[in-house]
Amino acid sequence: METKDLHGLTDAQAKERLEKDGLNEVPEPEFNFFKEFMSKLWNLSAWILEAALILECILGKWIQSLFVLLMLLFAAFNGATQKKKSRRVLNTISHELTPTVSVKRNGKWKQLNSKFLAVGDLISLKRGDVLAADVKIVQGQITVDESSITGESKAIKKSIGDTAYAGTTVVDGDALATVTATGSNSRSGKTINLINNSAAPGHLQQLLTRIIYYLCLLDGVLTLILVIAALIRGQNVIEMLPFLAMMFIASIPVAMPSTFALSNSFEATRLSKEGVLTSDLTGIQDAANLNLLLLDKTGTITENKTAVSQWDNLSSLPNKEVLALVGAATDKRSTSIIDTAIDEYLAEKGITPDTPNSFTPFTSNTGYSMAEIKNYNIKLGSFKQLSLIDKNADQEAKDIDFTAGRSVAVLINNKLAGVFILRDKVRSDSKKL
């Protein structure tokens, strides 16, 4: 889809396209209880029980045959039931994922749950964003990491007219783009469908299969010894068959697969309460094989939310006027954590940001965002980068403790006007050190 319209869709247009194409999500394959039940009757442990069942029937041992049949059906039914429960747990957990995207609807920018994106939506992309749908760039330029879909670590530049794919990450630049494909029609959606249709067994299932295999070998060796001993002693081998069949049955852990599924579903529920979302139960088994897990402090003593802890006005202008000018240099379209922290600080102070005549968003090349308003040029960005513009910045800010947090400087007409110190908010239930 090629368009030069930068106004995006209306809510009515988006609703119509969502009804046509569906939500921007890949539906999970529908659980079929009967199919899952039958699959439990077609594996190594089931084959051994089925062979024992046939043998008991041939020998006319109908009571033993009934018990073997009930054991076989119970294992299959229990396994399918636990699989259904685990699928329900995973579906509940997946609904907790609510990624948002900056989209223009009815001529206004808003944050929208990505599953409600429609083909033709105009979205804003900036560094750090993960694309929620396939898009075509209509303004600006970005560099994306496509390693998640191509395996190539080298970042790829995307300019006007290029297509960027869902699941890739913006590593540099900013752009406007129109959505071209969503859900199962996107490139990553097609890949997910292939994965859903060809799921590999987990580590526990592979381990269980090996255990059953070795037990069968052991049973085979014991059977061979018993048969040879019976022949040497002149005993009737046929009379030993029921005993041999029960030996095989007793050595097969028929309930273990369903026990694995049940325990994994309990673990998935427990992890979700701790903020860890599991997309597949085999992921828990993979995580159990980790020898070393590295974590940072985010979420333990802080709220994972940046806030302004200190502001120093270094200009001759009134504090309120400087902060109103700073508000004009924050990005209202694709807000970063720094923009959000400064905007919230202004709101706490009751200061309304000025409206810029022109605005240039932050890029890694410049190191700052810029706004033009009245007779002022405002730059907001890294102190290190902005000190290259104002050569006297280091002297002006000599009394500021830059080790207290992350610093963000403000230049007004290329002169240092102030410095923000930003820090992560400490959780209210954390002990003060």
Protein backbone atom coordinates (compact mmCIF):
# COMPACT_ATOMS: atom_id res chain seq x y z
CA MET A 1 0.00 0.00 0.00
CA GLU A 2 1.53 3.32 -1.04
CA THR A 3 0.25 6.60 0.36
CA LYS A 4 1.38 10.14 0.97
CA ASP A 5 -1.45 10.82 3.37
CA LEU A 6 0.02 11.58 6.80
CA HIS A 7 -3.33 11.97 8.55
CA GLY A 8 -3.79 8.27 9.32
CA LEU A 9 -7.15 6.54 9.70
CA THR A 10 -10.31 7.53 11.48
CA ASP A 11 -11.78 5.26 14.14
CA ALA A 12 -14.54 4.26 11.72
CA GLN A 13 -12.04 3.28 9.01
CA ALA A 14 -9.94 1.34 11.50
CA LYS A 15 -13.00 -0.52 12.80
CA GLU A 16 -14.02 -1.48 9.26
CA ARG A 17 -10.54 -2.83 8.46
CA LEU A 18 -10.29 -4.69 11.76
CA GLU A 19 -13.58 -6.42 10.98
CA LYS A 20 -12.15 -7.40 7.59
CA ASP A 21 -8.60 -8.44 8.56
CA GLY A 22 -9.03 -9.29 12.25
CA LEU A 23 -6.98 -8.13 15.22
CA ASN A 24 -3.23 -7.68 14.94
CA GLU A 25 -2.39 -10.96 16.64
CA VAL A 26 -1.61 -14.52 15.63
CA PRO A 27 -4.39 -16.81 16.91
CA GLU A 28 -3.28 -19.84 18.85
CA PRO A 29 -4.18 -23.17 17.23
CA GLU A 30 -7.51 -24.37 18.58
CA PHE A 31 -7.22 -27.13 21.15
CA ASN A 32 -8.83 -30.39 20.01
CA PHE A 33 -9.44 -32.67 23.00
CA PHE A 34 -10.17 -35.77 20.89
CA LYS A 35 -7.04 -35.28 18.78
CA GLU A 36 -4.93 -34.79 21.92
CA PHE A 37 -6.54 -37.89 23.48
CA MET A 38 -5.69 -40.01 20.43
CA SER A 39 -2.11 -38.68 20.35
CA LYS A 40 -1.62 -40.05 23.87
CA LEU A 41 -2.38 -43.50 22.47
CA TRP A 42 0.40 -43.17 19.89
CA ASN A 43 3.74 -43.04 21.68
CA LEU A 44 6.31 -45.47 23.03
CA SER A 45 4.71 -46.06 26.44
CA ALA A 46 1.25 -46.49 24.88
CA TRP A 47 2.58 -48.97 22.31
CA ILE A 48 3.96 -51.20 25.09
CA LEU A 49 0.63 -51.16 26.92
CA GLU A 50 -1.24 -51.84 23.69
CA ALA A 51 1.06 -54.79 22.92
CA ALA A 52 0.45 -56.13 26.43
CA LEU A 53 -3.31 -55.66 25.94
CA ILE A 54 -3.27 -57.66 22.69
CA LEU A 55 -1.19 -60.40 24.35
CA GLU A 56 -3.61 -60.65 27.30
CA CYS A 57 -6.55 -60.91 24.88
CA ILE A 58 -4.83 -63.67 22.89
CA LEU A 59 -4.22 -65.61 26.09
CA GLY A 60 -7.86 -65.13 27.11
CA LYS A 61 -6.99 -63.15 30.24
CA TRP A 62 -10.02 -60.89 30.01
CA ILE A 63 -9.87 -59.44 33.52
CA GLN A 64 -6.19 -58.49 33.09
CA SER A 65 -7.02 -57.13 29.63
CA LEU A 66 -9.71 -54.91 31.11
CA PHE A 67 -7.29 -53.49 33.69
CA VAL A 68 -4.67 -52.78 31.01
CA LEU A 69 -7.32 -51.11 28.82
CA LEU A 70 -8.56 -48.96 31.70
CA MET A 71 -4.98 -47.99 32.53
CA LEU A 72 -4.33 -47.04 28.90
CA LEU A 73 -7.52 -44.98 28.58
CA PHE A 74 -7.01 -43.27 31.93
CA ALA A 75 -3.46 -42.22 31.01
CA ALA A 76 -4.65 -40.81 27.67
CA PHE A 77 -7.65 -39.01 29.21
CA ASN A 78 -5.61 -37.60 32.09
CA GLY A 79 -2.86 -36.44 29.72
CA ALA A 80 -5.34 -34.68 27.41
CA THR A 81 -7.11 -33.07 30.38
CA GLN A 82 -3.89 -31.68 31.83
CA LYS A 83 -2.86 -30.41 28.39
CA LYS A 84 -6.17 -28.56 28.16
CA LYS A 85 -5.63 -27.01 31.58
CA SER A 86 -2.09 -25.94 30.70
CA ARG A 87 -3.31 -24.38 27.44
CA ARG A 88 -5.90 -22.41 29.39
CA VAL A 89 -3.18 -21.14 31.74
CA LEU A 90 -0.99 -20.02 28.83
CA ASN A 91 -3.90 -18.24 27.14
CA THR A 92 -4.64 -16.36 30.36
CA ILE A 93 -0.99 -15.35 30.74
CA SER A 94 -0.66 -14.20 27.10
CA HIS A 95 -3.55 -11.78 27.57
CA GLU A 96 -1.43 -9.92 30.16
CA LEU A 97 0.87 -8.74 27.37
CA THR A 98 -0.29 -5.27 26.31
CA PRO A 99 2.37 -3.64 24.10
CA THR A 100 1.38 -0.17 22.90
CA VAL A 101 2.27 1.84 19.80
CA SER A 102 2.04 5.53 18.93
CA VAL A 103 -0.64 5.81 16.22
CA LYS A 104 -2.49 8.69 14.59
CA ARG A 105 -6.27 8.32 14.70
CA ASN A 106 -8.77 11.04 13.84
CA GLY A 107 -5.85 13.40 13.23
CA LYS A 108 -4.48 13.03 16.79
CA TRP A 109 -1.60 11.01 18.17
CA LYS A 110 -2.45 8.44 20.83
CA GLN A 111 -1.02 5.37 22.51
CA LEU A 112 -2.90 2.28 21.32
CA ASN A 113 -2.76 -1.40 22.17
CA SER A 114 -0.87 -2.93 19.25
CA LYS A 115 -3.46 -5.65 18.65
CA PHE A 116 -5.91 -2.94 17.47
CA LEU A 117 -3.61 -1.74 14.68
CA ALA A 118 -5.23 -1.83 11.24
CA VAL A 119 -3.83 -1.80 7.72
CA GLY A 120 -3.39 1.85 6.72
CA ASP A 121 -2.72 3.16 10.24
CA LEU A 122 -0.04 5.83 10.49
CA ILE A 123 2.41 5.04 13.29
CA SER A 124 5.44 6.77 14.73
CA LEU A 125 8.71 4.85 15.11
CA LYS A 126 11.72 5.80 17.19
CA ARG A 127 14.81 4.14 18.57
CA GLY A 128 14.01 1.20 20.83
CA ASP A 129 10.59 0.44 19.32
CA VAL A 130 9.74 -3.13 18.35
CA LEU A 131 7.57 -3.15 15.24
CA ALA A 132 4.14 -4.62 15.90
CA ALA A 133 3.23 -5.03 12.21
CA ASP A 134 4.74 -4.88 8.74
CA VAL A 135 5.02 -1.22 7.68
CA LYS A 136 6.15 1.00 4.82
CA ILE A 137 8.21 4.09 5.64
CA VAL A 138 6.54 7.31 4.45
CA GLN A 139 8.67 9.90 6.25
CA GLY A 140 12.10 9.89 7.87
CA GLN A 141 14.70 7.16 8.06
CA ILE A 142 15.40 4.41 10.58
CA THR A 143 17.92 1.65 11.13
CA VAL A 144 16.46 -1.69 12.19
CA ASP A 145 17.83 -4.89 13.67
CA GLU A 146 16.36 -7.75 11.60
CA SER A 147 18.26 -10.54 13.34
CA SER A 148 15.01 -11.91 14.79
CA ILE A 149 13.76 -12.81 11.29
CA THR A 150 16.91 -13.11 9.16
CA GLY A 151 19.60 -14.12 11.64
CA GLU A 152 21.86 -11.34 10.32
CA SER A 153 23.32 -9.14 13.08
CA LYS A 154 24.07 -6.18 10.78
CA ALA A 155 21.51 -3.37 11.13
CA ILE A 156 19.63 -2.39 7.96
CA LYS A 157 18.70 1.18 6.99
CA LYS A 158 15.11 1.81 5.93
CA SER A 159 14.20 4.94 3.97
CA ILE A 160 11.00 6.27 2.41
CA GLY A 161 9.28 3.51 0.42
CA ASP A 162 11.12 0.65 2.20
CA THR A 163 9.30 -2.06 4.12
CA ALA A 164 10.12 -2.90 7.73
CA TYR A 165 8.83 -6.11 9.27
CA ALA A 166 7.02 -6.97 12.48
CA GLY A 167 9.28 -8.27 15.23
CA THR A 168 12.29 -6.16 14.20
CA THR A 169 13.74 -3.46 16.45
CA VAL A 170 14.48 0.17 15.63
CA VAL A 171 18.07 0.86 16.70
CA ASP A 172 18.42 4.39 15.33
CA GLY A 173 16.46 7.23 13.76
CA ASP A 174 12.78 8.11 13.72
CA ALA A 175 10.13 7.82 11.04
CA LEU A 176 6.46 7.74 10.19
CA ALA A 177 5.15 4.57 8.59
CA THR A 178 1.88 3.10 7.36
CA VAL A 179 0.84 -0.40 8.36
CA THR A 180 0.80 -2.80 5.40
CA ALA A 181 0.15 -6.20 7.05
CA THR A 182 -1.01 -7.32 10.49
CA GLY A 183 -1.47 -10.55 12.45
CA SER A 184 -1.07 -13.77 10.49
CA ASN A 185 -0.52 -11.82 7.26
CA SER A 186 2.68 -10.20 8.55
CA ARG A 187 6.05 -11.84 7.98
CA SER A 188 6.54 -12.75 11.63
CA GLY A 189 2.92 -13.94 11.82
CA LYS A 190 3.56 -16.47 9.07
CA THR A 191 6.68 -17.64 10.91
CA ILE A 192 4.75 -18.04 14.17
CA ASN A 193 2.12 -20.12 12.36
CA LEU A 194 4.85 -22.44 11.10
CA ILE A 195 6.24 -22.78 14.62
CA ASN A 196 2.78 -23.51 16.05
CA ASN A 197 2.32 -26.28 13.51
CA SER A 198 5.68 -27.92 14.18
CA ALA A 199 6.30 -27.71 17.91
CA ALA A 200 9.27 -29.74 19.16
CA PRO A 201 9.02 -31.89 22.32
CA GLY A 202 10.40 -30.40 25.49
CA HIS A 203 13.42 -31.60 27.43
CA LEU A 204 11.30 -33.53 29.93
CA GLN A 205 9.45 -35.34 27.16
CA GLN A 206 12.74 -36.28 25.51
CA LEU A 207 14.10 -37.43 28.88
CA LEU A 208 10.97 -39.51 29.53
CA THR A 209 11.24 -41.15 26.11
CA ARG A 210 14.86 -42.12 26.85
CA ILE A 211 13.89 -43.49 30.27
CA ILE A 212 11.14 -45.64 28.75
CA TYR A 213 13.53 -46.79 26.03
CA TYR A 214 16.12 -47.94 28.59
CA LEU A 215 13.43 -49.60 30.71
CA CYS A 216 12.28 -51.50 27.64
CA LEU A 217 15.84 -52.64 27.00
CA LEU A 218 16.14 -53.76 30.62
CA ASP A 219 12.81 -55.58 30.41
CA GLY A 220 13.95 -57.23 27.18
CA VAL A 221 17.14 -58.47 28.82
CA LEU A 222 15.21 -59.79 31.85
CA THR A 223 12.68 -61.47 29.53
CA LEU A 224 15.47 -63.17 27.59
CA ILE A 225 17.07 -64.43 30.83
CA LEU A 226 13.75 -65.74 32.17
CA VAL A 227 12.89 -67.48 28.89
CA ILE A 228 16.33 -69.14 28.70
CA ALA A 229 16.04 -70.22 32.34
CA ALA A 230 12.55 -71.63 31.72
CA LEU A 231 13.77 -73.61 28.70
CA ILE A 232 16.72 -75.00 30.63
CA ARG A 233 14.40 -76.08 33.46
CA GLY A 234 11.88 -77.49 31.00
CA GLN A 235 9.06 -75.14 31.99
CA ASN A 236 6.21 -74.02 29.71
CA VAL A 237 7.18 -70.62 28.28
CA ILE A 238 3.56 -69.86 27.27
CA GLU A 239 2.51 -69.90 30.92
CA MET A 240 5.11 -67.20 31.64
CA LEU A 241 3.70 -64.74 29.11
CA PRO A 242 1.16 -63.08 31.49
CA PHE A 243 3.95 -62.53 34.02
CA LEU A 244 6.23 -61.07 31.35
CA ALA A 245 3.43 -58.80 30.13
CA MET A 246 2.80 -57.48 33.66
CA MET A 247 6.53 -56.90 34.10
CA PHE A 248 6.55 -54.64 31.05
CA ILE A 249 3.37 -52.86 32.20
CA ALA A 250 4.70 -52.25 35.72
CA SER A 251 7.92 -50.68 34.43
CA ILE A 252 6.19 -48.07 32.23
CA PRO A 253 5.48 -44.69 33.99
CA VAL A 254 2.14 -44.12 32.23
CA ALA A 255 1.12 -41.11 34.37
CA MET A 256 4.42 -39.26 34.19
CA PRO A 257 3.71 -37.22 30.97
CA SER A 258 0.49 -35.78 32.39
CA THR A 259 2.28 -35.12 35.69
CA PHE A 260 4.89 -33.09 33.80
CA ALA A 261 2.20 -31.05 32.04
CA LEU A 262 0.36 -30.39 35.31
CA SER A 263 3.48 -29.32 37.23
CA ASN A 264 4.59 -27.06 34.36
CA SER A 265 1.20 -25.34 34.25
CA PHE A 266 1.43 -24.69 38.00
CA GLU A 267 4.89 -23.20 37.49
CA ALA A 268 3.63 -21.01 34.61
CA THR A 269 0.88 -19.62 36.86
CA ARG A 270 3.35 -18.96 39.66
CA LEU A 271 5.81 -17.24 37.30
CA SER A 272 3.04 -15.02 35.88
CA LYS A 273 2.32 -13.74 39.40
CA GLU A 274 5.99 -12.79 39.63
CA GLY A 275 5.82 -10.88 36.35
CA VAL A 276 7.43 -13.58 34.19
CA LEU A 277 5.24 -14.48 31.21
CA THR A 278 5.62 -17.92 29.62
CA SER A 279 4.58 -18.40 25.98
CA ASP A 280 5.06 -22.18 25.97
CA LEU A 281 5.38 -24.78 28.72
CA THR A 282 8.54 -26.19 27.18
CA GLY A 283 10.13 -22.80 27.91
CA ILE A 284 10.00 -23.66 31.62
CA GLN A 285 11.86 -26.88 30.91
CA ASP A 286 14.47 -24.95 28.89
CA ALA A 287 14.89 -22.44 31.72
CA ALA A 288 15.48 -25.31 34.16
CA ASN A 289 18.68 -26.10 32.24
CA LEU A 290 20.18 -22.63 32.87
CA ASN A 291 23.36 -22.67 34.92
CA LEU A 292 23.66 -18.90 35.34
CA LEU A 293 21.00 -16.17 35.25
CA LEU A 294 22.04 -12.51 35.42
CA LEU A 295 19.51 -9.91 36.67
CA ASP A 296 19.71 -6.20 37.38
CA LYS A 297 18.15 -4.25 40.25
CA THR A 298 15.20 -2.92 38.24
CA GLY A 299 11.97 -3.95 39.89
CA THR A 300 13.59 -4.88 43.21
CA ILE A 301 14.28 -1.50 44.84
CA THR A 302 13.06 0.77 42.04
CA GLU A 303 9.84 1.11 40.05
CA ASN A 304 11.49 0.93 36.62
CA LYS A 305 10.26 4.50 36.10
CA THR A 306 12.57 7.50 35.60
CA ALA A 307 11.78 10.80 37.30
CA VAL A 308 13.42 14.21 37.73
CA SER A 309 15.22 14.33 41.07
CA GLN A 310 16.94 17.70 40.61
CA TRP A 311 16.64 20.79 38.39
CA ASP A 312 19.15 23.65 38.28
CA ASN A 313 18.27 26.86 36.42
CA LEU A 314 21.54 28.36 35.16
CA SER A 315 19.99 31.13 33.05
CA SER A 316 18.87 34.67 33.84
CA LEU A 317 15.27 33.87 32.86
CA PRO A 318 12.60 33.09 35.47
CA ASN A 319 12.41 29.43 36.38
CA LYS A 320 8.81 29.06 35.19
CA GLU A 321 9.59 30.58 31.81
CA VAL A 322 12.63 28.32 31.28
CA LEU A 323 10.68 25.18 32.17
CA ALA A 324 7.83 26.19 29.82
CA LEU A 325 10.39 26.52 27.02
CA VAL A 326 11.89 23.15 27.93
CA GLY A 327 8.43 21.60 27.61
CA ALA A 328 8.35 22.72 23.99
CA ALA A 329 11.47 20.61 23.28
CA THR A 330 10.04 17.30 24.57
CA ASP A 331 8.69 14.87 21.98
CA LYS A 332 4.89 14.62 22.26
CA ARG A 333 4.57 12.18 19.35
CA SER A 334 7.03 9.45 20.31
CA THR A 335 7.75 10.06 23.97
CA SER A 336 10.91 8.59 25.48
CA ILE A 337 11.41 7.93 29.20
CA ILE A 338 13.27 11.27 29.43
CA ASP A 339 10.43 13.16 27.72
CA THR A 340 7.91 11.51 30.04
CA ALA A 341 9.95 12.30 33.15
CA ILE A 342 10.32 16.00 32.21
CA ASP A 343 6.65 16.35 31.21
CA GLU A 344 5.56 14.82 34.52
CA TYR A 345 7.91 17.17 36.39
CA LEU A 346 6.33 20.18 34.64
CA ALA A 347 2.86 18.86 35.45
CA GLU A 348 3.79 18.54 39.14
CA LYS A 349 4.97 22.16 39.09
CA GLY A 350 1.76 23.28 37.37
CA ILE A 351 3.65 24.56 34.31
CA THR A 352 2.08 24.39 30.85
CA PRO A 353 4.65 23.72 28.09
CA ASP A 354 4.90 26.28 25.32
CA THR A 355 3.82 25.26 21.82
CA PRO A 356 6.80 25.24 19.42
CA ASN A 357 6.72 26.81 15.98
CA SER A 358 8.87 23.91 14.76
CA PHE A 359 10.20 20.76 16.37
CA THR A 360 13.02 18.36 15.48
CA PRO A 361 13.03 15.05 17.40
CA PHE A 362 16.06 13.50 19.06
CA THR A 363 18.44 11.43 16.92
CA SER A 364 21.63 9.66 17.88
CA ASN A 365 23.49 11.73 15.29
CA THR A 366 22.71 15.09 16.94
CA GLY A 367 22.26 13.91 20.52
CA TYR A 368 19.40 16.31 21.24
CA SER A 369 15.87 17.39 20.30
CA MET A 370 15.26 20.97 19.19
CA ALA A 371 12.36 23.42 19.22
CA GLU A 372 11.91 26.92 17.82
CA ILE A 373 9.55 29.21 19.69
CA LYS A 374 9.26 33.03 19.78
CA ASN A 375 12.84 34.26 19.61
CA TYR A 376 14.28 31.21 21.31
CA ASN A 377 16.06 28.11 20.04
CA ILE A 378 15.82 25.32 22.65
CA LYS A 379 17.96 22.19 22.61
CA LEU A 380 17.32 19.31 25.01
CA GLY A 381 19.75 16.42 25.26
CA SER A 382 22.95 14.96 26.62
CA PHE A 383 25.12 17.39 28.60
CA LYS A 384 28.24 15.91 27.02
CA GLN A 385 26.86 16.51 23.52
CA LEU A 386 25.51 19.99 24.22
CA SER A 387 28.74 21.07 25.92
CA LEU A 388 30.34 20.80 22.48
CA ILE A 389 28.05 23.66 21.40
CA ASP A 390 28.42 25.85 24.49
CA LYS A 391 32.13 25.81 25.30
CA ASN A 392 31.48 27.42 28.71
CA ALA A 393 29.03 24.73 29.81
CA ASP A 394 31.53 22.85 31.98
CA GLN A 395 32.37 26.02 33.89
CA GLU A 396 28.70 27.00 34.31
CA ALA A 397 27.79 23.54 35.67
CA LYS A 398 30.87 23.02 37.88
CA ASP A 399 28.76 22.90 41.08
CA ILE A 400 26.37 20.22 39.81
CA ASP A 401 26.91 16.63 41.00
CA PHE A 402 26.62 14.62 37.78
CA THR A 403 27.20 11.37 39.67
CA ALA A 404 23.78 11.73 41.34
CA GLY A 405 21.97 10.38 38.28
CA ARG A 406 21.44 10.75 34.57
CA SER A 407 21.98 14.31 33.34
CA VAL A 408 19.94 16.11 30.67
CA ALA A 409 21.01 19.61 29.67
CA VAL A 410 19.04 22.51 28.19
CA LEU A 411 20.47 25.10 25.81
CA ILE A 412 18.59 28.31 25.02
CA ASN A 413 20.05 30.13 22.02
CA ASN A 414 23.09 27.83 22.31
CA LYS A 415 23.80 28.88 25.92
CA LEU A 416 23.49 26.48 28.86
CA ALA A 417 20.20 27.29 30.59
CA GLY A 418 19.84 24.42 33.02
CA VAL A 419 20.48 20.79 33.90
CA PHE A 420 18.09 18.04 34.93
CA ILE A 421 19.25 15.10 37.05
CA LEU A 422 17.09 12.01 36.49
CA ARG A 423 16.94 8.88 38.62
CA ASP A 424 14.80 5.77 38.89
CA LYS A 425 11.97 6.15 41.38
CA VAL A 426 12.54 4.15 44.54
CA ARG A 427 9.70 1.83 45.46
CA SER A 428 7.70 2.92 48.47
CA ASP A 429 8.13 -0.50 50.11
CA SER A 430 11.94 -0.50 49.73
CA LYS A 431 14.07 0.10 52.79
CA LYS A 432 15.97 3.38 52.84
CA LEU A 433 19.69 2.73 52.82
